[in-house]
Amino acid sequence: MFEYRSAKFADVEEIYNLIAGYAAQGLMLPKPYNILYEALREFVVAVEVDTGKIVGTGALHLTWNELAEVRSMAVHPDYKRQGIGAEIVKKLLEQGREVGVKNFFTLTYSPEFFESLGFKTTTRESLPHKIWKECIDCPKFANCDEIAMTLD
């Protein structure tokens, strides 16, 4: 059984490790500690109730008028295909709708997962220029190979 809740300072190390594991495989962009601390309020975690272990995480980043990005989605490899990622996205979408988000997007290497949740592939150029301000710091900025997807 899993509990889904907002992330806390004590969770940063486990969130970092989840993301870093996928980043090392080229399946996700890395997130340094300073970014995780600064964006901690954006994160939701899935916690295994019996052990207290964080087995999944994701974040919702508000980017522009009624627009938010679902990002940093990671589920521990031993816990995949149990609906954890889908539940995290559901929680993030609920949080977004509570503050008035009408359009969601993601930049991903896992389009099948997001398609299963109703996201549709789009072009990166169709997204507002405002969202690219953080991309400047990305190591793949000049050669971005993530897939843009939206949910309206």
Foldseek 3Di string as FASTA:
>chain_A
DKDKDQADPVCLVLLQVQQVVCVVVVFAFHDDSVRCVVQSRQKMFIADVVPRHTFWMWGWADFDDLEIEIDSTGGHPVPPPPCRSVVRVVVNVVVSVVVRRDKYKYFGPCVVVVVVVPKAWDDPVVDDPRRCPVLVPTPCSVPDDTTMIMDD
